[in-house]
PDB file of N, CA and C in Angstrom:
ATOM      1  N   MET A   1      -6.814 -13.695   7.785  1.00  0.00           N
ATOM      2  CA  MET A   1      -6.050 -12.871   6.845  1.00  0.00           C
ATOM      3  C   MET A   1      -4.699 -12.526   7.471  1.00  0.00           C
ATOM      4  N   SER A   2      -3.699 -12.509   6.629  1.00  0.00           N
ATOM      5  CA  SER A   2      -2.350 -12.178   7.077  1.00  0.00           C
ATOM      6  C   SER A   2      -1.960 -10.813   6.529  1.00  0.00           C
ATOM      7  N   ARG A   3      -1.276 -10.035   7.354  1.00  0.00           N
ATOM      8  CA  ARG A   3      -0.831  -8.713   6.920  1.00  0.00           C
ATOM      9  C   ARG A   3       0.692  -8.641   7.027  1.00  0.00           C
ATOM     10  N   TYR A   4       1.303  -8.061   5.996  1.00  0.00           N
ATOM     11  CA  TYR A   4       2.749  -7.915   5.926  1.00  0.00           C
ATOM     12  C   TYR A   4       3.099  -6.458   5.623  1.00  0.00           C
ATOM     13  N   TYR A   5       4.342  -6.088   5.956  1.00  0.00           N
ATOM     14  CA  TYR A   5       4.782  -4.699   5.806  1.00  0.00           C
ATOM     15  C   TYR A   5       6.135  -4.625   5.102  1.00  0.00           C
ATOM     16  N   THR A   6       6.369  -3.486   4.416  1.00  0.00           N
ATOM     17  CA  THR A   6       7.659  -3.253   3.764  1.00  0.00           C
ATOM     18  C   THR A   6       8.404  -2.145   4.504  1.00  0.00           C
ATOM     19  N   GLU A   7       9.703  -2.030   4.228  1.00  0.00           N
ATOM     20  CA  GLU A   7      10.496  -0.943   4.801  1.00  0.00           C
ATOM     21  C   GLU A   7      10.117   0.405   4.195  1.00  0.00           C
ATOM     22  N   ASP A   8       9.384   0.405   3.088  1.00  0.00           N
ATOM     23  CA  ASP A   8       8.896   1.648   2.470  1.00  0.00           C
ATOM     24  C   ASP A   8       7.517   2.035   3.016  1.00  0.00           C
ATOM     25  N   HIS A   9       7.058   1.329   4.037  1.00  0.00           N
ATOM     26  CA  HIS A   9       5.815   1.636   4.751  1.00  0.00           C
ATOM     27  C   HIS A   9       4.551   1.331   3.960  1.00  0.00           C
ATOM     28  N   GLU A  10       4.626   0.316   3.096  1.00  0.00           N
ATOM     29  CA  GLU A  10       3.408  -0.224   2.492  1.00  0.00           C
ATOM     30  C   GLU A  10       2.991  -1.440   3.304  1.00  0.00           C
ATOM     31  N   TRP A  11       1.702  -1.736   3.262  1.00  0.00           N
ATOM     32  CA  TRP A  11       1.206  -2.971   3.859  1.00  0.00           C
ATOM     33  C   TRP A  11       0.451  -3.750   2.785  1.00  0.00           C
ATOM     34  N   ILE A  12       0.414  -5.051   2.971  1.00  0.00           N
ATOM     35  CA  ILE A  12      -0.393  -5.915   2.107  1.00  0.00           C
ATOM     36  C   ILE A  12      -1.096  -6.916   3.004  1.00  0.00           C
ATOM     37  N   GLU A  13      -2.388  -7.042   2.776  1.00  0.00           N
ATOM     38  CA  GLU A  13      -3.187  -7.996   3.543  1.00  0.00           C
ATOM     39  C   GLU A  13      -3.723  -9.039   2.584  1.00  0.00           C
ATOM     40  N   LEU A  14      -3.481 -10.296   2.917  1.00  0.00           N
ATOM     41  CA  LEU A  14      -3.883 -11.391   2.036  1.00  0.00           C
ATOM     42  C   LEU A  14      -5.229 -11.957   2.420  1.00  0.00           C
ATOM     43  N   ASP A  15      -6.034 -12.192   1.397  1.00  0.00           N
ATOM     44  CA  ASP A  15      -7.293 -12.903   1.549  1.00  0.00           C
ATOM     45  C   ASP A  15      -7.301 -13.918   0.413  1.00  0.00           C
ATOM     46  N   GLY A  16      -6.842 -15.130   0.702  1.00  0.00           N
ATOM     47  CA  GLY A  16      -6.652 -16.123  -0.357  1.00  0.00           C
ATOM     48  C   GLY A  16      -5.480 -15.698  -1.225  1.00  0.00           C
ATOM     49  N   GLU A  17      -5.710 -15.569  -2.543  1.00  0.00           N
ATOM     50  CA  GLU A  17      -4.634 -15.160  -3.455  1.00  0.00           C
ATOM     51  C   GLU A  17      -4.720 -13.686  -3.809  1.00  0.00           C
ATOM     52  N   ILE A  18      -5.641 -12.951  -3.163  1.00  0.00           N
ATOM     53  CA  ILE A  18      -5.791 -11.524  -3.420  1.00  0.00           C
ATOM     54  C   ILE A  18      -5.130 -10.746  -2.293  1.00  0.00           C
ATOM     55  N   GLY A  19      -4.275  -9.801  -2.662  1.00  0.00           N
ATOM     56  CA  GLY A  19      -3.629  -8.939  -1.684  1.00  0.00           C
ATOM     57  C   GLY A  19      -4.161  -7.525  -1.817  1.00  0.00           C
ATOM     58  N   THR A  20      -4.521  -6.917  -0.691  1.00  0.00           N
ATOM     59  CA  THR A  20      -4.935  -5.523  -0.651  1.00  0.00           C
ATOM     60  C   THR A  20      -3.743  -4.722  -0.156  1.00  0.00           C
ATOM     61  N   VAL A  21      -3.405  -3.625  -0.877  1.00  0.00           N
ATOM     62  CA  VAL A  21      -2.199  -2.853  -0.594  1.00  0.00           C
ATOM     63  C   VAL A  21      -2.556  -1.418  -0.221  1.00  0.00           C
ATOM     64  N   GLY A  22      -1.832  -0.889   0.752  1.00  0.00           N
ATOM     65  CA  GLY A  22      -1.993   0.510   1.147  1.00  0.00           C
ATOM     66  C   GLY A  22      -0.727   0.991   1.831  1.00  0.00           C
ATOM     67  N   ILE A  23      -0.791   2.198   2.387  1.00  0.00           N
ATOM     68  CA  ILE A  23       0.349   2.712   3.151  1.00  0.00           C
ATOM     69  C   ILE A  23      -0.014   2.692   4.632  1.00  0.00           C
ATOM     70  N   THR A  24       1.003   2.634   5.460  1.00  0.00           N
ATOM     71  CA  THR A  24       0.790   2.510   6.900  1.00  0.00           C
ATOM     72  C   THR A  24       0.399   3.845   7.534  1.00  0.00           C
ATOM     73  N   ASP A  25      -0.078   3.746   8.755  1.00  0.00           N
ATOM     74  CA  ASP A  25      -0.411   4.935   9.526  1.00  0.00           C
ATOM     75  C   ASP A  25       0.830   5.805   9.689  1.00  0.00           C
ATOM     76  N   TYR A  26       1.992   5.180   9.897  1.00  0.00           N
ATOM     77  CA  TYR A  26       3.242   5.939  10.020  1.00  0.00           C
ATOM     78  C   TYR A  26       3.495   6.755   8.752  1.00  0.00           C
ATOM     79  N   ALA A  27       3.323   6.127   7.591  1.00  0.00           N
ATOM     80  CA  ALA A  27       3.580   6.807   6.314  1.00  0.00           C
ATOM     81  C   ALA A  27       2.643   7.992   6.115  1.00  0.00           C
ATOM     82  N   GLN A  28       1.349   7.811   6.367  1.00  0.00           N
ATOM     83  CA  GLN A  28       0.421   8.921   6.162  1.00  0.00           C
ATOM     84  C   GLN A  28       0.722  10.049   7.141  1.00  0.00           C
ATOM     85  N   GLY A  29       1.198   9.708   8.346  1.00  0.00           N
ATOM     86  CA  GLY A  29       1.562  10.732   9.323  1.00  0.00           C
ATOM     87  C   GLY A  29       2.746  11.559   8.859  1.00  0.00           C
ATOM     88  N   GLN A  30       3.686  10.905   8.184  1.00  0.00           N
ATOM     89  CA  GLN A  30       4.859  11.604   7.651  1.00  0.00           C
ATOM     90  C   GLN A  30       4.479  12.504   6.477  1.00  0.00           C
ATOM     91  N   LEU A  31       3.524  12.068   5.675  1.00  0.00           N
ATOM     92  CA  LEU A  31       3.116  12.833   4.500  1.00  0.00           C
ATOM     93  C   LEU A  31       2.277  14.055   4.854  1.00  0.00           C
ATOM     94  N   GLY A  32       1.481  13.957   5.899  1.00  0.00           N
ATOM     95  CA  GLY A  32       0.572  15.055   6.235  1.00  0.00           C
ATOM     96  C   GLY A  32      -0.724  14.917   5.450  1.00  0.00           C
ATOM     97  N   ASP A  33      -1.430  16.037   5.283  1.00  0.00           N
ATOM     98  CA  ASP A  33      -2.739  16.007   4.631  1.00  0.00           C
ATOM     99  C   ASP A  33      -2.630  15.578   3.173  1.00  0.00           C
ATOM    100  N   ILE A  34      -3.278  14.478   2.833  1.00  0.00           N
ATOM    101  CA  ILE A  34      -3.225  13.930   1.479  1.00  0.00           C
ATOM    102  C   ILE A  34      -4.289  14.597   0.617  1.00  0.00           C
ATOM    103  N   VAL A  35      -3.845  15.092  -0.546  1.00  0.00           N
ATOM    104  CA  VAL A  35      -4.735  15.868  -1.415  1.00  0.00           C
ATOM    105  C   VAL A  35      -5.029  15.177  -2.746  1.00  0.00           C
ATOM    106  N   PHE A  36      -4.250  14.139  -3.100  1.00  0.00           N
ATOM    107  CA  PHE A  36      -4.441  13.467  -4.379  1.00  0.00           C
ATOM    108  C   PHE A  36      -3.857  12.070  -4.301  1.00  0.00           C
ATOM    109  N   VAL A  37      -4.566  11.105  -4.878  1.00  0.00           N
ATOM    110  CA  VAL A  37      -4.074   9.729  -4.968  1.00  0.00           C
ATOM    111  C   VAL A  37      -4.348   9.209  -6.368  1.00  0.00           C
ATOM    112  N   GLU A  38      -3.342   8.605  -6.977  1.00  0.00           N
ATOM    113  CA  GLU A  38      -3.511   7.951  -8.281  1.00  0.00           C
ATOM    114  C   GLU A  38      -3.240   6.466  -8.084  1.00  0.00           C
ATOM    115  N   VAL A  39      -4.240   5.647  -8.369  1.00  0.00           N
ATOM    116  CA  VAL A  39      -4.096   4.205  -8.186  1.00  0.00           C
ATOM    117  C   VAL A  39      -3.904   3.530  -9.546  1.00  0.00           C
ATOM    118  N   PRO A  40      -3.331   2.335  -9.564  1.00  0.00           N
ATOM    119  CA  PRO A  40      -3.114   1.650 -10.847  1.00  0.00           C
ATOM    120  C   PRO A  40      -4.421   1.149 -11.459  1.00  0.00           C
ATOM    121  N   ASP A  41      -4.404   1.015 -12.783  1.00  0.00           N
ATOM    122  CA  ASP A  41      -5.572   0.522 -13.509  1.00  0.00           C
ATOM    123  C   ASP A  41      -5.719  -0.978 -13.354  1.00  0.00           C
ATOM    124  N   GLU A  42      -6.960  -1.425 -13.379  1.00  0.00           N
ATOM    125  CA  GLU A  42      -7.253  -2.855 -13.362  1.00  0.00           C
ATOM    126  C   GLU A  42      -6.553  -3.508 -14.542  1.00  0.00           C
ATOM    127  N   GLY A  43      -5.960  -4.658 -14.306  1.00  0.00           N
ATOM    128  CA  GLY A  43      -5.271  -5.392 -15.362  1.00  0.00           C
ATOM    129  C   GLY A  43      -3.791  -5.080 -15.470  1.00  0.00           C
ATOM    130  N   LYS A  44      -3.329  -4.034 -14.768  1.00  0.00           N
ATOM    131  CA  LYS A  44      -1.908  -3.675 -14.825  1.00  0.00           C
ATOM    132  C   LYS A  44      -1.078  -4.757 -14.142  1.00  0.00           C
ATOM    133  N   SER A  45      -0.013  -5.151 -14.801  1.00  0.00           N
ATOM    134  CA  SER A  45       0.892  -6.151 -14.255  1.00  0.00           C
ATOM    135  C   SER A  45       2.013  -5.439 -13.499  1.00  0.00           C
ATOM    136  N   LEU A  46       2.257  -5.859 -12.271  1.00  0.00           N
ATOM    137  CA  LEU A  46       3.283  -5.239 -11.437  1.00  0.00           C
ATOM    138  C   LEU A  46       4.298  -6.269 -10.985  1.00  0.00           C
ATOM    139  N   SER A  47       5.557  -5.853 -10.931  1.00  0.00           N
ATOM    140  CA  SER A  47       6.598  -6.677 -10.324  1.00  0.00           C
ATOM    141  C   SER A  47       6.886  -6.118  -8.945  1.00  0.00           C
ATOM    142  N   LYS A  48       7.400  -6.956  -8.077  1.00  0.00           N
ATOM    143  CA  LYS A  48       7.743  -6.513  -6.730  1.00  0.00           C
ATOM    144  C   LYS A  48       8.669  -5.306  -6.824  1.00  0.00           C
ATOM    145  N   GLY A  49       8.323  -4.233  -6.117  1.00  0.00           N
ATOM    146  CA  GLY A  49       9.150  -3.028  -6.115  1.00  0.00           C
ATOM    147  C   GLY A  49       8.773  -2.008  -7.170  1.00  0.00           C
ATOM    148  N   ASP A  50       7.861  -2.362  -8.088  1.00  0.00           N
ATOM    149  CA  ASP A  50       7.434  -1.400  -9.116  1.00  0.00           C
ATOM    150  C   ASP A  50       6.658  -0.250  -8.492  1.00  0.00           C
ATOM    151  N   GLU A  51       6.779   0.929  -9.122  1.00  0.00           N
ATOM    152  CA  GLU A  51       5.932   2.046  -8.729  1.00  0.00           C
ATOM    153  C   GLU A  51       4.507   1.685  -9.135  1.00  0.00           C
ATOM    154  N   ALA A  52       3.596   1.675  -8.167  1.00  0.00           N
ATOM    155  CA  ALA A  52       2.236   1.216  -8.443  1.00  0.00           C
ATOM    156  C   ALA A  52       1.222   2.337  -8.335  1.00  0.00           C
ATOM    157  N   ALA A  53       1.467   3.288  -7.436  1.00  0.00           N
ATOM    158  CA  ALA A  53       0.508   4.364  -7.203  1.00  0.00           C
ATOM    159  C   ALA A  53       1.279   5.618  -6.821  1.00  0.00           C
ATOM    160  N   VAL A  54       0.577   6.749  -6.844  1.00  0.00           N
ATOM    161  CA  VAL A  54       1.172   8.029  -6.453  1.00  0.00           C
ATOM    162  C   VAL A  54       0.275   8.640  -5.387  1.00  0.00           C
ATOM    163  N   VAL A  55       0.895   9.181  -4.362  1.00  0.00           N
ATOM    164  CA  VAL A  55       0.148   9.888  -3.325  1.00  0.00           C
ATOM    165  C   VAL A  55       0.785  11.267  -3.157  1.00  0.00           C
ATOM    166  N   GLU A  56      -0.062  12.299  -3.200  1.00  0.00           N
ATOM    167  CA  GLU A  56       0.429  13.662  -3.025  1.00  0.00           C
ATOM    168  C   GLU A  56      -0.194  14.265  -1.782  1.00  0.00           C
ATOM    169  N   SER A  57       0.654  14.950  -1.020  1.00  0.00           N
ATOM    170  CA  SER A  57       0.176  15.621   0.177  1.00  0.00           C
ATOM    171  C   SER A  57       0.563  17.092   0.100  1.00  0.00           C
ATOM    172  N   VAL A  58       0.186  17.848   1.110  1.00  0.00           N
ATOM    173  CA  VAL A  58       0.565  19.248   1.147  1.00  0.00           C
ATOM    174  C   VAL A  58       2.083  19.391   1.276  1.00  0.00           C
ATOM    175  N   LYS A  59       2.765  18.335   1.742  1.00  0.00           N
ATOM    176  CA  LYS A  59       4.221  18.365   1.932  1.00  0.00           C
ATOM    177  C   LYS A  59       5.003  17.850   0.727  1.00  0.00           C
ATOM    178  N   ALA A  60       4.516  16.761   0.112  1.00  0.00           N
ATOM    179  CA  ALA A  60       5.332  16.084  -0.905  1.00  0.00           C
ATOM    180  C   ALA A  60       4.491  15.132  -1.744  1.00  0.00           C
ATOM    181  N   ALA A  61       5.089  14.699  -2.851  1.00  0.00           N
ATOM    182  CA  ALA A  61       4.506  13.627  -3.660  1.00  0.00           C
ATOM    183  C   ALA A  61       5.387  12.397  -3.460  1.00  0.00           C
ATOM    184  N   SER A  62       4.761  11.248  -3.330  1.00  0.00           N
ATOM    185  CA  SER A  62       5.507  10.017  -3.105  1.00  0.00           C
ATOM    186  C   SER A  62       4.942   8.896  -3.958  1.00  0.00           C
ATOM    187  N   ASP A  63       5.829   7.983  -4.321  1.00  0.00           N
ATOM    188  CA  ASP A  63       5.397   6.789  -5.025  1.00  0.00           C
ATOM    189  C   ASP A  63       5.047   5.718  -3.999  1.00  0.00           C
ATOM    190  N   VAL A  64       4.096   4.895  -4.362  1.00  0.00           N
ATOM    191  CA  VAL A  64       3.754   3.720  -3.564  1.00  0.00           C
ATOM    192  C   VAL A  64       4.188   2.522  -4.393  1.00  0.00           C
ATOM    193  N   TYR A  65       4.983   1.658  -3.791  1.00  0.00           N
ATOM    194  CA  TYR A  65       5.553   0.521  -4.506  1.00  0.00           C
ATOM    195  C   TYR A  65       4.769  -0.749  -4.226  1.00  0.00           C
ATOM    196  N   SER A  66       4.743  -1.618  -5.209  1.00  0.00           N
ATOM    197  CA  SER A  66       4.066  -2.894  -5.020  1.00  0.00           C
ATOM    198  C   SER A  66       4.947  -3.801  -4.156  1.00  0.00           C
ATOM    199  N   PRO A  67       4.413  -4.300  -3.037  1.00  0.00           N
ATOM    200  CA  PRO A  67       5.222  -5.162  -2.172  1.00  0.00           C
ATOM    201  C   PRO A  67       5.467  -6.558  -2.742  1.00  0.00           C
ATOM    202  N   VAL A  68       4.665  -6.938  -3.737  1.00  0.00           N
ATOM    203  CA  VAL A  68       4.793  -8.245  -4.381  1.00  0.00           C
ATOM    204  C   VAL A  68       4.457  -8.114  -5.864  1.00  0.00           C
ATOM    205  N   SER A  69       4.751  -9.154  -6.619  1.00  0.00           N
ATOM    206  CA  SER A  69       4.390  -9.191  -8.033  1.00  0.00           C
ATOM    207  C   SER A  69       2.962  -9.692  -8.194  1.00  0.00           C
ATOM    208  N   GLY A  70       2.277  -9.169  -9.211  1.00  0.00           N
ATOM    209  CA  GLY A  70       0.922  -9.641  -9.466  1.00  0.00           C
ATOM    210  C   GLY A  70       0.207  -8.766 -10.467  1.00  0.00           C
ATOM    211  N   THR A  71      -1.073  -9.027 -10.635  1.00  0.00           N
ATOM    212  CA  THR A  71      -1.917  -8.282 -11.569  1.00  0.00           C
ATOM    213  C   THR A  71      -3.006  -7.561 -10.785  1.00  0.00           C
ATOM    214  N   VAL A  72      -3.135  -6.268 -11.050  1.00  0.00           N
ATOM    215  CA  VAL A  72      -4.120  -5.449 -10.352  1.00  0.00           C
ATOM    216  C   VAL A  72      -5.527  -5.899 -10.744  1.00  0.00           C
ATOM    217  N   VAL A  73      -6.361  -6.154  -9.731  1.00  0.00           N
ATOM    218  CA  VAL A  73      -7.751  -6.528  -9.988  1.00  0.00           C
ATOM    219  C   VAL A  73      -8.709  -5.389  -9.639  1.00  0.00           C
ATOM    220  N   GLU A  74      -8.230  -4.419  -8.852  1.00  0.00           N
ATOM    221  CA  GLU A  74      -9.085  -3.295  -8.488  1.00  0.00           C
ATOM    222  C   GLU A  74      -8.246  -2.169  -7.904  1.00  0.00           C
ATOM    223  N   GLY A  75      -8.561  -0.938  -8.312  1.00  0.00           N
ATOM    224  CA  GLY A  75      -8.003   0.242  -7.662  1.00  0.00           C
ATOM    225  C   GLY A  75      -9.098   0.840  -6.796  1.00  0.00           C
ATOM    226  N   ASN A  76      -8.736   1.495  -5.716  1.00  0.00           N
ATOM    227  CA  ASN A  76      -9.734   2.082  -4.815  1.00  0.00           C
ATOM    228  C   ASN A  76     -10.267   3.377  -5.424  1.00  0.00           C
ATOM    229  N   ALA A  77     -11.385   3.282  -6.134  1.00  0.00           N
ATOM    230  CA  ALA A  77     -11.977   4.426  -6.824  1.00  0.00           C
ATOM    231  C   ALA A  77     -12.390   5.534  -5.858  1.00  0.00           C
ATOM    232  N   ALA A  78     -12.695   5.196  -4.626  1.00  0.00           N
ATOM    233  CA  ALA A  78     -13.132   6.197  -3.644  1.00  0.00           C
ATOM    234  C   ALA A  78     -12.055   7.248  -3.388  1.00  0.00           C
ATOM    235  N   LEU A  79     -10.782   6.886  -3.594  1.00  0.00           N
ATOM    236  CA  LEU A  79      -9.695   7.824  -3.300  1.00  0.00           C
ATOM    237  C   LEU A  79      -9.646   8.990  -4.284  1.00  0.00           C
ATOM    238  N   ALA A  80     -10.228   8.841  -5.468  1.00  0.00           N
ATOM    239  CA  ALA A  80     -10.249   9.936  -6.441  1.00  0.00           C
ATOM    240  C   ALA A  80     -11.016  11.132  -5.885  1.00  0.00           C
ATOM    241  N   ASP A  81     -12.146  10.864  -5.254  1.00  0.00           N
ATOM    242  CA  ASP A  81     -12.971  11.932  -4.691  1.00  0.00           C
ATOM    243  C   ASP A  81     -12.662  12.211  -3.226  1.00  0.00           C
ATOM    244  N   GLN A  82     -12.094  11.235  -2.545  1.00  0.00           N
ATOM    245  CA  GLN A  82     -11.841  11.371  -1.110  1.00  0.00           C
ATOM    246  C   GLN A  82     -10.413  10.938  -0.753  1.00  0.00           C
ATOM    247  N   PRO A  83      -9.392  11.657  -1.230  1.00  0.00           N
ATOM    248  CA  PRO A  83      -8.019  11.254  -0.900  1.00  0.00           C
ATOM    249  C   PRO A  83      -7.738  11.282   0.604  1.00  0.00           C
ATOM    250  N   ALA A  84      -8.515  12.058   1.352  1.00  0.00           N
ATOM    251  CA  ALA A  84      -8.324  12.142   2.803  1.00  0.00           C
ATOM    252  C   ALA A  84      -8.624  10.827   3.511  1.00  0.00           C
ATOM    253  N   LEU A  85      -9.277   9.874   2.826  1.00  0.00           N
ATOM    254  CA  LEU A  85      -9.487   8.548   3.414  1.00  0.00           C
ATOM    255  C   LEU A  85      -8.156   7.922   3.838  1.00  0.00           C
ATOM    256  N   VAL A  86      -7.093   8.265   3.107  1.00  0.00           N
ATOM    257  CA  VAL A  86      -5.777   7.716   3.445  1.00  0.00           C
ATOM    258  C   VAL A  86      -5.325   8.251   4.803  1.00  0.00           C
ATOM    259  N   ASN A  87      -5.629   9.513   5.107  1.00  0.00           N
ATOM    260  CA  ASN A  87      -5.305  10.058   6.425  1.00  0.00           C
ATOM    261  C   ASN A  87      -6.223   9.493   7.498  1.00  0.00           C
ATOM    262  N   GLU A  88      -7.507   9.375   7.175  1.00  0.00           N
ATOM    263  CA  GLU A  88      -8.501   8.966   8.158  1.00  0.00           C
ATOM    264  C   GLU A  88      -8.406   7.489   8.518  1.00  0.00           C
ATOM    265  N   ASP A  89      -8.129   6.638   7.549  1.00  0.00           N
ATOM    266  CA  ASP A  89      -8.128   5.189   7.777  1.00  0.00           C
ATOM    267  C   ASP A  89      -7.126   4.515   6.837  1.00  0.00           C
ATOM    268  N   PRO A  90      -5.822   4.804   7.025  1.00  0.00           N
ATOM    269  CA  PRO A  90      -4.810   4.318   6.073  1.00  0.00           C
ATOM    270  C   PRO A  90      -4.712   2.802   5.965  1.00  0.00           C
ATOM    271  N   GLU A  91      -5.045   2.107   7.035  1.00  0.00           N
ATOM    272  CA  GLU A  91      -4.913   0.646   7.012  1.00  0.00           C
ATOM    273  C   GLU A  91      -6.281  -0.031   6.935  1.00  0.00           C
ATOM    274  N   GLY A  92      -7.272   0.726   6.416  1.00  0.00           N
ATOM    275  CA  GLY A  92      -8.618   0.200   6.233  1.00  0.00           C
ATOM    276  C   GLY A  92      -9.204   0.741   4.946  1.00  0.00           C
ATOM    277  N   GLU A  93     -10.173   1.673   5.049  1.00  0.00           N
ATOM    278  CA  GLU A  93     -10.857   2.230   3.877  1.00  0.00           C
ATOM    279  C   GLU A  93      -9.935   3.000   2.933  1.00  0.00           C
ATOM    280  N   GLY A  94      -8.759   3.394   3.408  1.00  0.00           N
ATOM    281  CA  GLY A  94      -7.813   4.149   2.580  1.00  0.00           C
ATOM    282  C   GLY A  94      -6.842   3.275   1.794  1.00  0.00           C
ATOM    283  N   TRP A  95      -7.210   2.018   1.555  1.00  0.00           N
ATOM    284  CA  TRP A  95      -6.357   1.119   0.750  1.00  0.00           C
ATOM    285  C   TRP A  95      -6.213   1.663  -0.670  1.00  0.00           C
ATOM    286  N   PHE A  96      -5.160   1.243  -1.373  1.00  0.00           N
ATOM    287  CA  PHE A  96      -4.866   1.762  -2.707  1.00  0.00           C
ATOM    288  C   PHE A  96      -5.313   0.829  -3.830  1.00  0.00           C
ATOM    289  N   PHE A  97      -4.914  -0.438  -3.758  1.00  0.00           N
ATOM    290  CA  PHE A  97      -5.273  -1.373  -4.834  1.00  0.00           C
ATOM    291  C   PHE A  97      -5.243  -2.803  -4.327  1.00  0.00           C
ATOM    292  N   LYS A  98      -5.887  -3.669  -5.125  1.00  0.00           N
ATOM    293  CA  LYS A  98      -5.890  -5.110  -4.852  1.00  0.00           C
ATOM    294  C   LYS A  98      -5.247  -5.803  -6.038  1.00  0.00           C
ATOM    295  N   LEU A  99      -4.501  -6.855  -5.769  1.00  0.00           N
ATOM    296  CA  LEU A  99      -3.889  -7.602  -6.860  1.00  0.00           C
ATOM    297  C   LEU A  99      -3.882  -9.085  -6.570  1.00  0.00           C
ATOM    298  N   THR A 100      -3.830  -9.858  -7.658  1.00  0.00           N
ATOM    299  CA  THR A 100      -3.664 -11.301  -7.565  1.00  0.00           C
ATOM    300  C   THR A 100      -2.168 -11.572  -7.534  1.00  0.00           C
ATOM    301  N   LEU A 101      -1.702 -12.252  -6.517  1.00  0.00           N
ATOM    302  CA  LEU A 101      -0.272 -12.521  -6.374  1.00  0.00           C
ATOM    303  C   LEU A 101       0.190 -13.549  -7.397  1.00  0.00           C
ATOM    304  N   SER A 102       1.350 -13.280  -7.989  1.00  0.00           N
ATOM    305  CA  SER A 102       1.904 -14.256  -8.930  1.00  0.00           C
ATOM    306  C   SER A 102       2.964 -15.131  -8.264  1.00  0.00           C
ATOM    307  N   ASP A 103       3.492 -14.719  -7.106  1.00  0.00           N
ATOM    308  CA  ASP A 103       4.508 -15.508  -6.416  1.00  0.00           C
ATOM    309  C   ASP A 103       4.398 -15.259  -4.913  1.00  0.00           C
ATOM    310  N   THR A 104       3.692 -16.138  -4.208  1.00  0.00           N
ATOM    311  CA  THR A 104       3.504 -15.959  -2.771  1.00  0.00           C
ATOM    312  C   THR A 104       4.816 -16.053  -1.996  1.00  0.00           C
ATOM    313  N   GLY A 105       5.842 -16.625  -2.604  1.00  0.00           N
ATOM    314  CA  GLY A 105       7.156 -16.711  -1.962  1.00  0.00           C
ATOM    315  C   GLY A 105       7.755 -15.339  -1.677  1.00  0.00           C
ATOM    316  N   GLU A 106       7.318 -14.309  -2.423  1.00  0.00           N
ATOM    317  CA  GLU A 106       7.837 -12.955  -2.202  1.00  0.00           C
ATOM    318  C   GLU A 106       7.420 -12.396  -0.842  1.00  0.00           C
ATOM    319  N   LEU A 107       6.401 -12.962  -0.242  1.00  0.00           N
ATOM    320  CA  LEU A 107       5.954 -12.495   1.077  1.00  0.00           C
ATOM    321  C   LEU A 107       6.992 -12.777   2.156  1.00  0.00           C
ATOM    322  N   GLU A 108       7.856 -13.759   1.921  1.00  0.00           N
ATOM    323  CA  GLU A 108       8.848 -14.148   2.929  1.00  0.00           C
ATOM    324  C   GLU A 108       9.815 -13.016   3.254  1.00  0.00           C
ATOM    325  N   GLY A 109      10.020 -12.080   2.315  1.00  0.00           N
ATOM    326  CA  GLY A 109      10.937 -10.975   2.560  1.00  0.00           C
ATOM    327  C   GLY A 109      10.303  -9.799   3.287  1.00  0.00           C
ATOM    328  N   LEU A 110       9.013  -9.902   3.611  1.00  0.00           N
ATOM    329  CA  LEU A 110       8.305  -8.801   4.259  1.00  0.00           C
ATOM    330  C   LEU A 110       8.224  -9.021   5.769  1.00  0.00           C
ATOM    331  N   MET A 111       7.893  -7.951   6.492  1.00  0.00           N
ATOM    332  CA  MET A 111       7.819  -8.011   7.951  1.00  0.00           C
ATOM    333  C   MET A 111       6.393  -8.292   8.414  1.00  0.00           C
ATOM    334  N   ASP A 112       6.286  -8.967   9.557  1.00  0.00           N
ATOM    335  CA  ASP A 112       4.974  -9.079  10.200  1.00  0.00           C
ATOM    336  C   ASP A 112       4.767  -7.814  11.038  1.00  0.00           C
ATOM    337  N   GLU A 113       3.620  -7.717  11.693  1.00  0.00           N
ATOM    338  CA  GLU A 113       3.287  -6.484  12.413  1.00  0.00           C
ATOM    339  C   GLU A 113       4.296  -6.169  13.522  1.00  0.00           C
ATOM    340  N   ALA A 114       4.703  -7.169  14.286  1.00  0.00           N
ATOM    341  CA  ALA A 114       5.653  -6.948  15.381  1.00  0.00           C
ATOM    342  C   ALA A 114       6.998  -6.452  14.853  1.00  0.00           C
ATOM    343  N   ALA A 115       7.472  -7.064  13.768  1.00  0.00           N
ATOM    344  CA  ALA A 115       8.751  -6.650  13.183  1.00  0.00           C
ATOM    345  C   ALA A 115       8.651  -5.229  12.623  1.00  0.00           C
ATOM    346  N   TYR A 116       7.502  -4.894  12.016  1.00  0.00           N
ATOM    347  CA  TYR A 116       7.327  -3.548  11.474  1.00  0.00           C
ATOM    348  C   TYR A 116       7.298  -2.510  12.595  1.00  0.00           C
ATOM    349  N   GLU A 117       6.597  -2.816  13.679  1.00  0.00           N
ATOM    350  CA  GLU A 117       6.542  -1.877  14.808  1.00  0.00           C
ATOM    351  C   GLU A 117       7.926  -1.640  15.381  1.00  0.00           C
ATOM    352  N   ALA A 118       8.742  -2.692  15.466  1.00  0.00           N
ATOM    353  CA  ALA A 118      10.124  -2.550  15.947  1.00  0.00           C
ATOM    354  C   ALA A 118      10.942  -1.707  14.970  1.00  0.00           C
ATOM    355  N   PHE A 119      10.727  -1.906  13.663  1.00  0.00           N
ATOM    356  CA  PHE A 119      11.417  -1.135  12.626  1.00  0.00           C
ATOM    357  C   PHE A 119      11.092   0.352  12.755  1.00  0.00           C
ATOM    358  N   VAL A 120       9.804   0.680  12.892  1.00  0.00           N
ATOM    359  CA  VAL A 120       9.365   2.076  12.987  1.00  0.00           C
ATOM    360  C   VAL A 120       9.891   2.722  14.272  1.00  0.00           C
ATOM    361  N   ALA A 121       9.968   1.953  15.342  1.00  0.00           N
ATOM    362  CA  ALA A 121      10.441   2.489  16.618  1.00  0.00           C
ATOM    363  C   ALA A 121      11.885   2.987  16.534  1.00  0.00           C
ATOM    364  N   LYS A 122      12.645   2.456  15.575  1.00  0.00           N
ATOM    365  CA  LYS A 122      14.055   2.838  15.417  1.00  0.00           C
ATOM    366  C   LYS A 122      14.232   4.061  14.515  1.00  0.00           C
ATOM    367  N   LEU A 123      13.151   4.503  13.866  1.00  0.00           N
ATOM    368  CA  LEU A 123      13.270   5.625  12.921  1.00  0.00           C
ATOM    369  C   LEU A 123      13.318   6.970  13.626  1.00  0.00           C
TER     370      LEU A 123
END
């Protein structure tokens, strides 16, 4: 599986043509304690950069953007009852949604893990 990152601190991990999307550990650390997450509905069509989900913390509410274009195949239902999963395991069980990619070429504009770590180090 390949994992890519955006400058908005989203990650996408590919498994075939399905991408799992969430926010990075850095992003959840900036937000603080997460109290609410709204994920997109199954079947929703997203374009790269679209607002896909909402995450609210004790500090702020933020949009989560889709790193690529595609159709949502699953939202993480566990986050409705356990939004703290995003704090506990942001790059694992705290994922937001899965989608079928419509254009794998869009991945070329994203960072790999090393590039993302270098990006965060400059913030």
